[in-house]
Amino acid sequence: MKTVPIVYFSDVLCIWAYIAQPRVDLVKKTYSDQVRVEQKFCSVFGDTVGKISAAWKGKGEYEGFNAHLRHAAKAFPEITLCPDLWLKVRPATSNSAHLFLKAINLLERGGGCETGSTEAITWALRQGFFVQGKDIARWDIQCEIGLQAGVEISRIEALIHDGSAFAALASDYHDAAMMGVQGSPTFVLNDGRQKLYGNVGFRILDANIQELLREPQQGQASWC
């Protein structure tokens, strides 16, 4: 059976990645073993103060960004958004959450926690920020969410302290640069030949996967 690999880059503080998650889940449910989604992180909100100051200068800064996000969310009734997003709680960076998640991923791959823990805790962190308004850049908040999911924080700390999690995160950021990832979320298919970026609907993902699953006759090129 043919399998389509998808490298999925996202930033945990990106609302479009938060909105995209149900579509990613639907892809997995629809195609099961016919797709293999590899989750990686890219740094869009590595420096949130600098980003908001630059992008929203003269446009209300955090208040303007909040209004923009609330307006965008109205088109997606399937998601819930904290009305005070970026107003009362302002995470300094997404990098610390990414580092925590890479440590969990390493632990999961080594059999130290349940299969699917990385995806589950990534979603829990996103909900923690976008729904509950928690500062997910903070270590104590990350630990709180990790403990609720049943991971051993001491083992996460060990992977951070010995540098393993830093190396794994550096690898993600390097891959994002090498694959020309411009933002979050980005889906990379067909050995890097296809990149779907931003607010990508399920039907677009579906069409690309269907074409890659198609078995062309010998010498016949893919339309993708």
N, C-alpha and C. Protein backbone atom coordinates (compact mmCIF):
# COMPACT_ATOMS: atom_id res chain seq x y z
N MET A 1 0.84 -1.20 0.00
CA MET A 1 0.00 0.00 0.00
C MET A 1 0.87 1.25 0.00
N LYS A 2 0.55 2.19 -0.88
CA LYS A 2 1.32 3.41 -0.99
C LYS A 2 1.00 4.34 0.19
N THR A 3 2.04 5.01 0.70
CA THR A 3 1.87 5.94 1.80
C THR A 3 2.41 7.30 1.40
N VAL A 4 1.64 8.34 1.68
CA VAL A 4 2.04 9.71 1.38
C VAL A 4 2.61 10.35 2.65
N PRO A 5 3.91 10.68 2.66
CA PRO A 5 4.47 11.39 3.82
C PRO A 5 4.15 12.88 3.73
N ILE A 6 3.75 13.45 4.85
CA ILE A 6 3.48 14.88 4.95
C ILE A 6 4.28 15.44 6.11
N VAL A 7 5.12 16.42 5.84
CA VAL A 7 5.84 17.10 6.91
C VAL A 7 5.04 18.35 7.25
N TYR A 8 4.60 18.42 8.49
CA TYR A 8 3.69 19.49 8.92
C TYR A 8 4.41 20.42 9.89
N PHE A 9 4.67 21.64 9.43
CA PHE A 9 5.35 22.64 10.25
C PHE A 9 4.32 23.60 10.85
N SER A 10 4.49 23.90 12.14
CA SER A 10 3.60 24.87 12.76
C SER A 10 4.28 25.53 13.95
N ASP A 11 3.68 26.63 14.40
CA ASP A 11 4.10 27.34 15.60
C ASP A 11 2.93 27.26 16.58
N VAL A 12 3.19 26.90 17.84
CA VAL A 12 2.08 26.68 18.78
C VAL A 12 1.30 27.95 19.09
N LEU A 13 1.88 29.13 18.84
CA LEU A 13 1.17 30.38 19.11
C LEU A 13 0.48 30.93 17.86
N CYS A 14 0.50 30.19 16.77
CA CYS A 14 -0.12 30.63 15.52
C CYS A 14 -1.58 30.22 15.48
N ILE A 15 -2.48 31.19 15.32
CA ILE A 15 -3.91 30.88 15.31
C ILE A 15 -4.30 30.01 14.11
N TRP A 16 -3.60 30.18 13.00
CA TRP A 16 -3.96 29.40 11.81
C TRP A 16 -3.60 27.93 11.99
N ALA A 17 -2.56 27.65 12.75
CA ALA A 17 -2.24 26.25 13.07
C ALA A 17 -3.28 25.68 14.03
N TYR A 18 -3.74 26.51 14.95
CA TYR A 18 -4.82 26.11 15.87
C TYR A 18 -6.09 25.79 15.07
N ILE A 19 -6.41 26.64 14.11
CA ILE A 19 -7.59 26.41 13.26
C ILE A 19 -7.41 25.19 12.38
N ALA A 20 -6.16 24.92 11.95
CA ALA A 20 -5.89 23.82 11.01
C ALA A 20 -5.97 22.45 11.66
N GLN A 21 -5.87 22.37 12.99
CA GLN A 21 -5.77 21.06 13.63
C GLN A 21 -6.93 20.12 13.32
N PRO A 22 -8.19 20.58 13.33
CA PRO A 22 -9.27 19.66 12.96
C PRO A 22 -9.12 19.12 11.54
N ARG A 23 -8.52 19.89 10.65
CA ARG A 23 -8.31 19.42 9.27
C ARG A 23 -7.23 18.35 9.23
N VAL A 24 -6.17 18.55 10.03
CA VAL A 24 -5.12 17.54 10.13
C VAL A 24 -5.70 16.24 10.69
N ASP A 25 -6.54 16.37 11.71
CA ASP A 25 -7.18 15.20 12.31
C ASP A 25 -8.06 14.48 11.30
N LEU A 26 -8.77 15.25 10.46
CA LEU A 26 -9.65 14.65 9.45
C LEU A 26 -8.84 13.93 8.37
N VAL A 27 -7.69 14.50 8.00
CA VAL A 27 -6.81 13.83 7.04
C VAL A 27 -6.39 12.46 7.59
N LYS A 28 -5.98 12.43 8.85
CA LYS A 28 -5.55 11.17 9.46
C LYS A 28 -6.70 10.18 9.54
N LYS A 29 -7.88 10.66 9.89
CA LYS A 29 -9.04 9.78 10.00
C LYS A 29 -9.45 9.25 8.63
N THR A 30 -9.39 10.10 7.62
CA THR A 30 -9.82 9.72 6.27
C THR A 30 -8.87 8.73 5.63
N TYR A 31 -7.57 8.96 5.79
CA TYR A 31 -6.58 8.17 5.07
C TYR A 31 -5.86 7.12 5.92
N SER A 32 -5.96 7.22 7.21
CA SER A 32 -5.37 6.23 8.11
C SER A 32 -3.91 5.96 7.74
N ASP A 33 -3.59 4.72 7.41
CA ASP A 33 -2.20 4.34 7.13
C ASP A 33 -1.70 4.80 5.77
N GLN A 34 -2.58 5.42 4.98
CA GLN A 34 -2.15 5.89 3.66
C GLN A 34 -1.40 7.22 3.73
N VAL A 35 -1.45 7.89 4.87
CA VAL A 35 -0.65 9.10 5.05
C VAL A 35 0.18 8.96 6.32
N ARG A 36 1.32 9.61 6.33
CA ARG A 36 2.17 9.66 7.51
C ARG A 36 2.53 11.12 7.77
N VAL A 37 1.91 11.67 8.80
CA VAL A 37 2.12 13.09 9.12
C VAL A 37 3.25 13.20 10.14
N GLU A 38 4.30 13.91 9.77
CA GLU A 38 5.42 14.15 10.67
C GLU A 38 5.35 15.59 11.17
N GLN A 39 5.15 15.76 12.46
CA GLN A 39 5.02 17.09 13.04
C GLN A 39 6.38 17.70 13.32
N LYS A 40 6.58 18.92 12.81
CA LYS A 40 7.79 19.69 13.11
C LYS A 40 7.37 21.12 13.46
N PHE A 41 8.29 21.85 14.07
CA PHE A 41 7.98 23.21 14.46
C PHE A 41 8.80 24.22 13.66
N CYS A 42 8.20 25.38 13.44
CA CYS A 42 8.91 26.52 12.85
C CYS A 42 8.72 27.70 13.80
N SER A 43 9.61 28.65 13.72
CA SER A 43 9.59 29.77 14.67
C SER A 43 9.00 31.02 14.02
N VAL A 44 7.72 31.26 14.29
CA VAL A 44 7.04 32.47 13.82
C VAL A 44 6.91 33.48 14.96
N PHE A 45 6.65 32.95 16.16
CA PHE A 45 6.51 33.78 17.35
C PHE A 45 7.69 33.57 18.30
N GLY A 46 8.89 33.50 17.72
CA GLY A 46 10.08 33.34 18.55
C GLY A 46 10.33 34.53 19.45
N ASP A 47 9.98 35.70 18.96
CA ASP A 47 10.11 36.95 19.74
C ASP A 47 8.80 37.70 19.57
N THR A 48 7.86 37.47 20.46
CA THR A 48 6.52 38.03 20.26
C THR A 48 6.49 39.55 20.41
N VAL A 49 7.29 40.08 21.33
CA VAL A 49 7.31 41.53 21.51
C VAL A 49 7.79 42.21 20.22
N GLY A 50 8.87 41.69 19.66
CA GLY A 50 9.39 42.25 18.41
C GLY A 50 8.42 42.09 17.26
N LYS A 51 7.77 40.91 17.19
CA LYS A 51 6.84 40.64 16.10
C LYS A 51 5.63 41.57 16.14
N ILE A 52 5.00 41.67 17.31
CA ILE A 52 3.80 42.51 17.42
C ILE A 52 4.16 43.99 17.23
N SER A 53 5.28 44.40 17.80
CA SER A 53 5.70 45.80 17.67
C SER A 53 5.95 46.17 16.21
N ALA A 54 6.55 45.25 15.45
CA ALA A 54 6.86 45.53 14.05
C ALA A 54 5.62 45.43 13.16
N ALA A 55 4.85 44.35 13.34
CA ALA A 55 3.72 44.09 12.44
C ALA A 55 2.50 44.95 12.74
N TRP A 56 2.35 45.37 14.01
CA TRP A 56 1.14 46.09 14.39
C TRP A 56 1.41 47.50 14.90
N LYS A 57 2.59 48.02 14.58
CA LYS A 57 2.91 49.40 14.95
C LYS A 57 1.98 50.36 14.22
N GLY A 58 1.35 51.25 14.97
CA GLY A 58 0.42 52.21 14.38
C GLY A 58 -0.94 51.62 14.05
N LYS A 59 -1.12 50.34 14.37
CA LYS A 59 -2.40 49.68 14.10
C LYS A 59 -3.01 49.10 15.37
N GLY A 60 -2.62 49.69 16.50
CA GLY A 60 -3.19 49.24 17.76
C GLY A 60 -2.34 48.25 18.52
N GLU A 61 -1.22 47.83 17.92
CA GLU A 61 -0.34 46.84 18.52
C GLU A 61 -1.13 45.65 19.08
N TYR A 62 -1.02 45.33 20.39
CA TYR A 62 -1.67 44.13 20.91
C TYR A 62 -3.20 44.21 20.79
N GLU A 63 -3.76 45.40 21.00
CA GLU A 63 -5.21 45.56 20.88
C GLU A 63 -5.65 45.33 19.43
N GLY A 64 -4.87 45.83 18.49
CA GLY A 64 -5.20 45.62 17.08
C GLY A 64 -5.06 44.16 16.68
N PHE A 65 -4.02 43.51 17.20
CA PHE A 65 -3.82 42.10 16.90
C PHE A 65 -4.96 41.26 17.48
N ASN A 66 -5.38 41.59 18.69
CA ASN A 66 -6.49 40.89 19.32
C ASN A 66 -7.76 41.02 18.48
N ALA A 67 -8.06 42.23 18.02
CA ALA A 67 -9.25 42.46 17.21
C ALA A 67 -9.19 41.68 15.90
N HIS A 68 -7.98 41.62 15.32
CA HIS A 68 -7.78 40.88 14.07
C HIS A 68 -8.06 39.38 14.28
N LEU A 69 -7.55 38.83 15.36
CA LEU A 69 -7.73 37.40 15.63
C LEU A 69 -9.19 37.08 15.91
N ARG A 70 -9.86 37.91 16.68
CA ARG A 70 -11.26 37.66 16.98
C ARG A 70 -12.12 37.75 15.72
N HIS A 71 -11.78 38.66 14.83
CA HIS A 71 -12.50 38.77 13.56
C HIS A 71 -12.27 37.53 12.69
N ALA A 72 -11.01 37.08 12.62
CA ALA A 72 -10.68 35.90 11.82
C ALA A 72 -11.38 34.66 12.35
N ALA A 73 -11.47 34.55 13.67
CA ALA A 73 -12.06 33.36 14.30
C ALA A 73 -13.56 33.23 14.04
N LYS A 74 -14.23 34.34 13.71
CA LYS A 74 -15.67 34.30 13.46
C LYS A 74 -16.03 33.39 12.28
N ALA A 75 -15.08 33.22 11.38
CA ALA A 75 -15.32 32.38 10.20
C ALA A 75 -15.19 30.89 10.51
N PHE A 76 -14.78 30.56 11.75
CA PHE A 76 -14.53 29.17 12.11
C PHE A 76 -15.26 28.84 13.42
N PRO A 77 -16.57 28.59 13.35
CA PRO A 77 -17.36 28.35 14.56
C PRO A 77 -16.95 27.09 15.31
N GLU A 78 -16.15 26.23 14.68
CA GLU A 78 -15.71 24.99 15.34
C GLU A 78 -14.64 25.23 16.39
N ILE A 79 -14.06 26.44 16.42
CA ILE A 79 -13.02 26.72 17.41
C ILE A 79 -13.53 27.72 18.46
N THR A 80 -12.89 27.68 19.63
CA THR A 80 -13.18 28.62 20.71
C THR A 80 -11.97 29.51 20.92
N LEU A 81 -12.21 30.78 21.12
CA LEU A 81 -11.11 31.72 21.30
C LEU A 81 -11.34 32.57 22.54
N CYS A 82 -10.30 32.66 23.36
CA CYS A 82 -10.35 33.51 24.54
C CYS A 82 -10.49 34.98 24.09
N PRO A 83 -11.48 35.71 24.57
CA PRO A 83 -11.68 37.09 24.11
C PRO A 83 -10.55 38.04 24.48
N ASP A 84 -9.78 37.71 25.51
CA ASP A 84 -8.68 38.58 25.96
C ASP A 84 -7.32 38.18 25.40
N LEU A 85 -7.32 37.40 24.33
CA LEU A 85 -6.07 36.88 23.77
C LEU A 85 -5.07 38.00 23.50
N TRP A 86 -3.87 37.85 23.99
CA TRP A 86 -2.75 38.78 23.84
C TRP A 86 -2.93 40.09 24.59
N LEU A 87 -4.02 40.25 25.32
CA LEU A 87 -4.24 41.48 26.07
C LEU A 87 -3.76 41.34 27.52
N LYS A 88 -4.25 40.33 28.21
CA LYS A 88 -3.86 40.13 29.61
C LYS A 88 -2.65 39.21 29.75
N VAL A 89 -2.54 38.22 28.87
CA VAL A 89 -1.43 37.26 28.89
C VAL A 89 -0.69 37.36 27.56
N ARG A 90 0.62 37.61 27.65
CA ARG A 90 1.42 37.79 26.44
C ARG A 90 2.67 36.90 26.51
N PRO A 91 2.58 35.67 26.01
CA PRO A 91 3.76 34.79 26.01
C PRO A 91 4.94 35.46 25.29
N ALA A 92 6.10 35.36 25.88
CA ALA A 92 7.29 36.01 25.31
C ALA A 92 7.77 35.31 24.05
N THR A 93 7.55 34.00 23.97
CA THR A 93 8.08 33.21 22.86
C THR A 93 7.32 31.90 22.72
N SER A 94 7.35 31.35 21.53
CA SER A 94 6.84 29.98 21.32
C SER A 94 7.96 28.96 21.44
N ASN A 95 9.22 29.43 21.41
CA ASN A 95 10.36 28.51 21.39
C ASN A 95 10.42 27.61 22.62
N SER A 96 10.07 28.16 23.78
CA SER A 96 10.14 27.36 25.01
C SER A 96 9.12 26.22 24.98
N ALA A 97 7.93 26.49 24.46
CA ALA A 97 6.93 25.43 24.32
C ALA A 97 7.38 24.39 23.30
N HIS A 98 7.98 24.84 22.21
CA HIS A 98 8.50 23.91 21.21
C HIS A 98 9.57 23.01 21.82
N LEU A 99 10.44 23.59 22.64
CA LEU A 99 11.50 22.82 23.29
C LEU A 99 10.90 21.75 24.20
N PHE A 100 9.90 22.12 24.98
CA PHE A 100 9.21 21.18 25.86
C PHE A 100 8.60 20.04 25.05
N LEU A 101 7.98 20.38 23.92
CA LEU A 101 7.34 19.37 23.08
C LEU A 101 8.35 18.46 22.38
N LYS A 102 9.51 18.98 22.01
CA LYS A 102 10.54 18.14 21.41
C LYS A 102 11.08 17.15 22.43
N ALA A 103 11.17 17.57 23.69
CA ALA A 103 11.60 16.65 24.74
C ALA A 103 10.57 15.53 24.90
N ILE A 104 9.29 15.88 24.86
CA ILE A 104 8.23 14.87 24.96
C ILE A 104 8.31 13.91 23.77
N ASN A 105 8.56 14.47 22.59
CA ASN A 105 8.66 13.63 21.40
C ASN A 105 9.81 12.63 21.51
N LEU A 106 10.95 13.10 22.02
CA LEU A 106 12.09 12.20 22.22
C LEU A 106 11.74 11.11 23.24
N LEU A 107 11.04 11.51 24.29
CA LEU A 107 10.63 10.55 25.32
C LEU A 107 9.66 9.53 24.73
N GLU A 108 8.73 10.00 23.92
CA GLU A 108 7.76 9.10 23.29
C GLU A 108 8.43 8.11 22.35
N ARG A 109 9.36 8.61 21.54
CA ARG A 109 10.07 7.74 20.60
C ARG A 109 10.89 6.68 21.31
N GLY A 110 11.34 7.00 22.53
CA GLY A 110 12.10 6.03 23.32
C GLY A 110 11.24 5.13 24.18
N GLY A 111 9.93 5.25 24.04
CA GLY A 111 9.02 4.40 24.80
C GLY A 111 8.78 4.86 26.22
N GLY A 112 9.17 6.11 26.53
CA GLY A 112 9.04 6.61 27.89
C GLY A 112 7.69 7.21 28.24
N CYS A 113 6.81 7.35 27.24
CA CYS A 113 5.45 7.81 27.49
C CYS A 113 4.55 7.23 26.41
N GLU A 114 3.26 7.41 26.56
CA GLU A 114 2.29 6.79 25.66
C GLU A 114 2.44 7.30 24.24
N THR A 115 2.19 6.43 23.27
CA THR A 115 2.16 6.82 21.87
C THR A 115 1.08 7.88 21.66
N GLY A 116 1.43 8.93 20.94
CA GLY A 116 0.48 10.02 20.72
C GLY A 116 0.58 11.15 21.72
N SER A 117 1.49 11.02 22.70
CA SER A 117 1.62 12.05 23.73
C SER A 117 2.02 13.40 23.15
N THR A 118 2.91 13.39 22.16
CA THR A 118 3.38 14.67 21.58
C THR A 118 2.21 15.43 20.96
N GLU A 119 1.41 14.73 20.16
CA GLU A 119 0.27 15.38 19.51
C GLU A 119 -0.74 15.85 20.55
N ALA A 120 -1.00 15.02 21.53
CA ALA A 120 -2.00 15.36 22.55
C ALA A 120 -1.57 16.58 23.35
N ILE A 121 -0.30 16.66 23.72
CA ILE A 121 0.16 17.78 24.54
C ILE A 121 0.34 19.04 23.69
N THR A 122 0.68 18.87 22.42
CA THR A 122 0.71 20.03 21.53
C THR A 122 -0.67 20.69 21.47
N TRP A 123 -1.69 19.86 21.31
CA TRP A 123 -3.06 20.37 21.27
C TRP A 123 -3.46 20.97 22.62
N ALA A 124 -3.05 20.34 23.71
CA ALA A 124 -3.38 20.85 25.04
C ALA A 124 -2.73 22.22 25.28
N LEU A 125 -1.50 22.40 24.80
CA LEU A 125 -0.84 23.70 24.92
C LEU A 125 -1.56 24.75 24.08
N ARG A 126 -1.94 24.38 22.88
CA ARG A 126 -2.69 25.33 22.03
C ARG A 126 -4.00 25.73 22.69
N GLN A 127 -4.72 24.74 23.22
CA GLN A 127 -5.97 25.07 23.91
C GLN A 127 -5.70 25.89 25.16
N GLY A 128 -4.59 25.59 25.84
CA GLY A 128 -4.24 26.35 27.02
C GLY A 128 -4.11 27.83 26.72
N PHE A 129 -3.53 28.15 25.57
CA PHE A 129 -3.38 29.56 25.20
C PHE A 129 -4.64 30.12 24.56
N PHE A 130 -5.09 29.49 23.48
CA PHE A 130 -6.17 30.08 22.69
C PHE A 130 -7.54 30.02 23.36
N VAL A 131 -7.77 29.03 24.21
CA VAL A 131 -9.07 28.89 24.87
C VAL A 131 -9.03 29.43 26.30
N GLN A 132 -7.99 29.03 27.05
CA GLN A 132 -7.94 29.35 28.48
C GLN A 132 -7.10 30.58 28.79
N GLY A 133 -6.39 31.10 27.81
CA GLY A 133 -5.60 32.31 28.02
C GLY A 133 -4.40 32.13 28.92
N LYS A 134 -3.78 30.93 28.90
CA LYS A 134 -2.61 30.66 29.74
C LYS A 134 -1.33 31.04 29.01
N ASP A 135 -0.32 31.42 29.78
CA ASP A 135 0.97 31.77 29.22
C ASP A 135 1.79 30.49 29.01
N ILE A 136 1.67 29.90 27.84
CA ILE A 136 2.31 28.61 27.58
C ILE A 136 3.80 28.73 27.31
N ALA A 137 4.34 29.94 27.36
CA ALA A 137 5.80 30.09 27.29
C ALA A 137 6.45 29.76 28.63
N ARG A 138 5.66 29.75 29.69
CA ARG A 138 6.18 29.54 31.04
C ARG A 138 6.37 28.04 31.34
N TRP A 139 7.49 27.74 31.98
CA TRP A 139 7.81 26.36 32.36
C TRP A 139 6.76 25.76 33.28
N ASP A 140 6.26 26.53 34.24
CA ASP A 140 5.29 25.99 35.19
C ASP A 140 3.98 25.62 34.50
N ILE A 141 3.58 26.40 33.51
CA ILE A 141 2.36 26.09 32.76
C ILE A 141 2.58 24.85 31.90
N GLN A 142 3.73 24.75 31.28
CA GLN A 142 4.06 23.57 30.47
C GLN A 142 4.03 22.31 31.34
N CYS A 143 4.63 22.40 32.53
CA CYS A 143 4.65 21.25 33.44
C CYS A 143 3.25 20.88 33.90
N GLU A 144 2.43 21.89 34.17
CA GLU A 144 1.06 21.64 34.58
C GLU A 144 0.30 20.85 33.52
N ILE A 145 0.45 21.26 32.26
CA ILE A 145 -0.23 20.58 31.16
C ILE A 145 0.37 19.20 30.92
N GLY A 146 1.70 19.10 31.03
CA GLY A 146 2.35 17.80 30.86
C GLY A 146 1.95 16.80 31.92
N LEU A 147 1.86 17.25 33.17
CA LEU A 147 1.45 16.37 34.27
C LEU A 147 0.02 15.87 34.07
N GLN A 148 -0.84 16.74 33.60
CA GLN A 148 -2.23 16.35 33.34
C GLN A 148 -2.30 15.27 32.27
N ALA A 149 -1.31 15.28 31.36
CA ALA A 149 -1.28 14.26 30.30
C ALA A 149 -0.54 13.00 30.73
N GLY A 150 0.05 13.03 31.92
CA GLY A 150 0.68 11.82 32.45
C GLY A 150 2.14 11.63 32.14
N VAL A 151 2.85 12.70 31.70
CA VAL A 151 4.29 12.54 31.45
C VAL A 151 5.08 12.87 32.71
N GLU A 152 6.26 12.27 32.82
CA GLU A 152 7.13 12.51 33.96
C GLU A 152 8.00 13.73 33.69
N ILE A 153 7.80 14.79 34.45
CA ILE A 153 8.51 16.04 34.20
C ILE A 153 10.01 15.87 34.40
N SER A 154 10.43 15.03 35.34
CA SER A 154 11.86 14.84 35.57
C SER A 154 12.56 14.29 34.32
N ARG A 155 11.85 13.45 33.58
CA ARG A 155 12.44 12.88 32.36
C ARG A 155 12.48 13.93 31.24
N ILE A 156 11.49 14.83 31.22
CA ILE A 156 11.51 15.93 30.27
C ILE A 156 12.68 16.86 30.58
N GLU A 157 12.85 17.18 31.86
CA GLU A 157 13.96 18.04 32.28
C GLU A 157 15.30 17.44 31.88
N ALA A 158 15.45 16.15 32.05
CA ALA A 158 16.72 15.50 31.73
C ALA A 158 17.07 15.66 30.25
N LEU A 159 16.06 15.55 29.38
CA LEU A 159 16.29 15.68 27.94
C LEU A 159 16.58 17.12 27.53
N ILE A 160 16.09 18.06 28.32
CA ILE A 160 16.42 19.47 28.08
C ILE A 160 17.81 19.79 28.61
N HIS A 161 18.11 19.30 29.82
CA HIS A 161 19.39 19.61 30.45
C HIS A 161 20.58 18.99 29.71
N ASP A 162 20.39 17.83 29.09
CA ASP A 162 21.53 17.21 28.40
C ASP A 162 21.68 17.70 26.95
N GLY A 163 20.79 18.61 26.54
CA GLY A 163 20.90 19.20 25.21
C GLY A 163 20.14 18.48 24.11
N SER A 164 19.59 17.29 24.39
CA SER A 164 18.93 16.50 23.35
C SER A 164 17.73 17.23 22.75
N ALA A 165 16.92 17.84 23.61
CA ALA A 165 15.73 18.53 23.12
C ALA A 165 16.11 19.77 22.30
N PHE A 166 17.18 20.46 22.72
CA PHE A 166 17.67 21.61 21.95
C PHE A 166 18.10 21.18 20.55
N ALA A 167 18.80 20.05 20.47
CA ALA A 167 19.26 19.55 19.18
C ALA A 167 18.08 19.19 18.28
N ALA A 168 17.06 18.54 18.85
CA ALA A 168 15.88 18.15 18.08
C ALA A 168 15.15 19.38 17.56
N LEU A 169 15.05 20.42 18.39
CA LEU A 169 14.38 21.64 17.95
C LEU A 169 15.20 22.36 16.88
N ALA A 170 16.51 22.39 17.06
CA ALA A 170 17.38 23.00 16.05
C ALA A 170 17.23 22.30 14.71
N SER A 171 17.06 20.98 14.74
CA SER A 171 16.86 20.20 13.52
C SER A 171 15.56 20.61 12.82
N ASP A 172 14.49 20.82 13.60
CA ASP A 172 13.22 21.27 13.02
C ASP A 172 13.38 22.62 12.34
N TYR A 173 14.01 23.56 13.03
CA TYR A 173 14.17 24.91 12.49
C TYR A 173 15.07 24.89 11.25
N HIS A 174 16.08 24.04 11.27
CA HIS A 174 16.95 23.89 10.09
C HIS A 174 16.16 23.34 8.92
N ASP A 175 15.36 22.30 9.16
CA ASP A 175 14.55 21.71 8.09
C ASP A 175 13.56 22.73 7.53
N ALA A 176 12.98 23.55 8.40
CA ALA A 176 12.05 24.58 7.94
C ALA A 176 12.74 25.54 6.98
N ALA A 177 13.96 25.92 7.32
CA ALA A 177 14.72 26.83 6.46
C ALA A 177 15.09 26.16 5.14
N MET A 178 15.55 24.92 5.20
CA MET A 178 15.97 24.19 4.00
C MET A 178 14.80 23.93 3.06
N MET A 179 13.60 23.72 3.62
CA MET A 179 12.42 23.43 2.80
C MET A 179 11.67 24.70 2.38
N GLY A 180 12.22 25.85 2.75
CA GLY A 180 11.60 27.10 2.32
C GLY A 180 10.27 27.40 3.00
N VAL A 181 10.13 26.96 4.24
CA VAL A 181 8.89 27.22 4.98
C VAL A 181 8.83 28.70 5.34
N GLN A 182 7.75 29.36 4.92
CA GLN A 182 7.61 30.79 5.12
C GLN A 182 6.74 31.16 6.31
N GLY A 183 6.01 30.20 6.84
CA GLY A 183 5.14 30.51 7.96
C GLY A 183 4.39 29.29 8.46
N SER A 184 3.44 29.55 9.33
CA SER A 184 2.70 28.48 10.01
C SER A 184 1.21 28.62 9.72
N PRO A 185 0.54 27.51 9.41
CA PRO A 185 1.07 26.16 9.20
C PRO A 185 1.54 25.98 7.76
N THR A 186 2.46 25.05 7.56
CA THR A 186 2.92 24.69 6.22
C THR A 186 2.96 23.17 6.11
N PHE A 187 2.35 22.66 5.04
CA PHE A 187 2.36 21.22 4.74
C PHE A 187 3.29 21.00 3.56
N VAL A 188 4.29 20.14 3.75
CA VAL A 188 5.26 19.85 2.69
C VAL A 188 5.04 18.42 2.22
N LEU A 189 4.78 18.25 0.92
CA LEU A 189 4.51 16.95 0.34
C LEU A 189 5.42 16.71 -0.86
N ASN A 190 5.40 15.46 -1.32
CA ASN A 190 6.07 15.09 -2.58
C ASN A 190 7.54 15.48 -2.56
N ASP A 191 8.24 15.08 -1.47
CA ASP A 191 9.68 15.34 -1.33
C ASP A 191 10.02 16.81 -1.49
N GLY A 192 9.16 17.68 -0.97
CA GLY A 192 9.42 19.11 -0.99
C GLY A 192 8.92 19.83 -2.23
N ARG A 193 8.35 19.11 -3.20
CA ARG A 193 7.90 19.74 -4.44
C ARG A 193 6.61 20.53 -4.23
N GLN A 194 5.83 20.14 -3.23
CA GLN A 194 4.57 20.82 -2.98
C GLN A 194 4.56 21.39 -1.56
N LYS A 195 4.25 22.67 -1.45
CA LYS A 195 4.12 23.31 -0.13
C LYS A 195 2.77 24.01 -0.07
N LEU A 196 1.98 23.64 0.91
CA LEU A 196 0.68 24.27 1.13
C LEU A 196 0.78 25.09 2.40
N TYR A 197 0.57 26.40 2.29
CA TYR A 197 0.89 27.31 3.38
C TYR A 197 -0.32 28.14 3.78
N GLY A 198 -0.52 28.27 5.08
CA GLY A 198 -1.55 29.17 5.59
C GLY A 198 -2.88 28.49 5.83
N ASN A 199 -3.95 29.21 5.57
CA ASN A 199 -5.30 28.72 5.82
C ASN A 199 -5.72 27.75 4.71
N VAL A 200 -5.21 26.52 4.80
CA VAL A 200 -5.45 25.50 3.77
C VAL A 200 -6.64 24.64 4.18
N GLY A 201 -7.66 24.60 3.33
CA GLY A 201 -8.85 23.81 3.61
C GLY A 201 -8.62 22.32 3.42
N PHE A 202 -9.51 21.51 4.00
CA PHE A 202 -9.37 20.06 3.88
C PHE A 202 -9.43 19.61 2.42
N ARG A 203 -10.29 20.21 1.61
CA ARG A 203 -10.43 19.76 0.22
C ARG A 203 -9.15 19.95 -0.57
N ILE A 204 -8.39 21.00 -0.25
CA ILE A 204 -7.11 21.21 -0.93
C ILE A 204 -6.11 20.13 -0.51
N LEU A 205 -6.05 19.85 0.78
CA LEU A 205 -5.20 18.76 1.26
C LEU A 205 -5.62 17.43 0.63
N ASP A 206 -6.92 17.20 0.61
CA ASP A 206 -7.47 15.96 0.07
C ASP A 206 -7.09 15.78 -1.40
N ALA A 207 -7.22 16.85 -2.20
CA ALA A 207 -6.91 16.76 -3.63
C ALA A 207 -5.44 16.45 -3.85
N ASN A 208 -4.57 17.06 -3.07
CA ASN A 208 -3.14 16.80 -3.22
C ASN A 208 -2.78 15.38 -2.81
N ILE A 209 -3.38 14.89 -1.74
CA ILE A 209 -3.10 13.53 -1.29
C ILE A 209 -3.61 12.51 -2.31
N GLN A 210 -4.82 12.76 -2.82
CA GLN A 210 -5.39 11.86 -3.82
C GLN A 210 -4.50 11.73 -5.04
N GLU A 211 -3.96 12.87 -5.49
CA GLU A 211 -3.11 12.84 -6.67
C GLU A 211 -1.81 12.08 -6.41
N LEU A 212 -1.27 12.24 -5.20
CA LEU A 212 -0.02 11.55 -4.87
C LEU A 212 -0.25 10.05 -4.63
N LEU A 213 -1.45 9.69 -4.25
CA LEU A 213 -1.78 8.27 -4.08
C LEU A 213 -2.07 7.59 -5.41
N ARG A 214 -2.42 8.39 -6.40
CA ARG A 214 -2.73 7.85 -7.72
C ARG A 214 -1.51 7.15 -8.29
N GLU A 215 -1.70 6.02 -8.92
CA GLU A 215 -0.59 5.28 -9.52
C GLU A 215 -0.53 5.60 -11.01
N PRO A 216 0.30 6.57 -11.42
CA PRO A 216 0.37 6.91 -12.85
C PRO A 216 0.99 5.79 -13.67
N GLN A 217 0.60 5.73 -14.94
CA GLN A 217 1.21 4.74 -15.83
C GLN A 217 2.67 5.09 -16.02
N GLN A 218 3.46 4.12 -16.38
CA GLN A 218 4.89 4.34 -16.52
C GLN A 218 5.17 5.48 -17.49
N GLY A 219 5.97 6.45 -17.05
CA GLY A 219 6.32 7.58 -17.90
C GLY A 219 5.34 8.73 -17.81
N GLN A 220 4.23 8.54 -17.09
CA GLN A 220 3.23 9.60 -16.98
C GLN A 220 3.53 10.46 -15.76
N ALA A 221 3.62 11.74 -15.95
CA ALA A 221 3.96 12.66 -14.87
C ALA A 221 2.75 12.94 -14.00
N SER A 222 3.01 13.22 -12.73
CA SER A 222 1.95 13.65 -11.83
C SER A 222 1.53 15.07 -12.20
N TRP A 223 0.24 15.36 -12.05
CA TRP A 223 -0.24 16.72 -12.30
C TRP A 223 0.16 17.67 -11.18
N CYS A 224 0.57 17.13 -10.02
CA CYS A 224 0.94 18.00 -8.90
C CYS A 224 2.33 18.59 -9.10
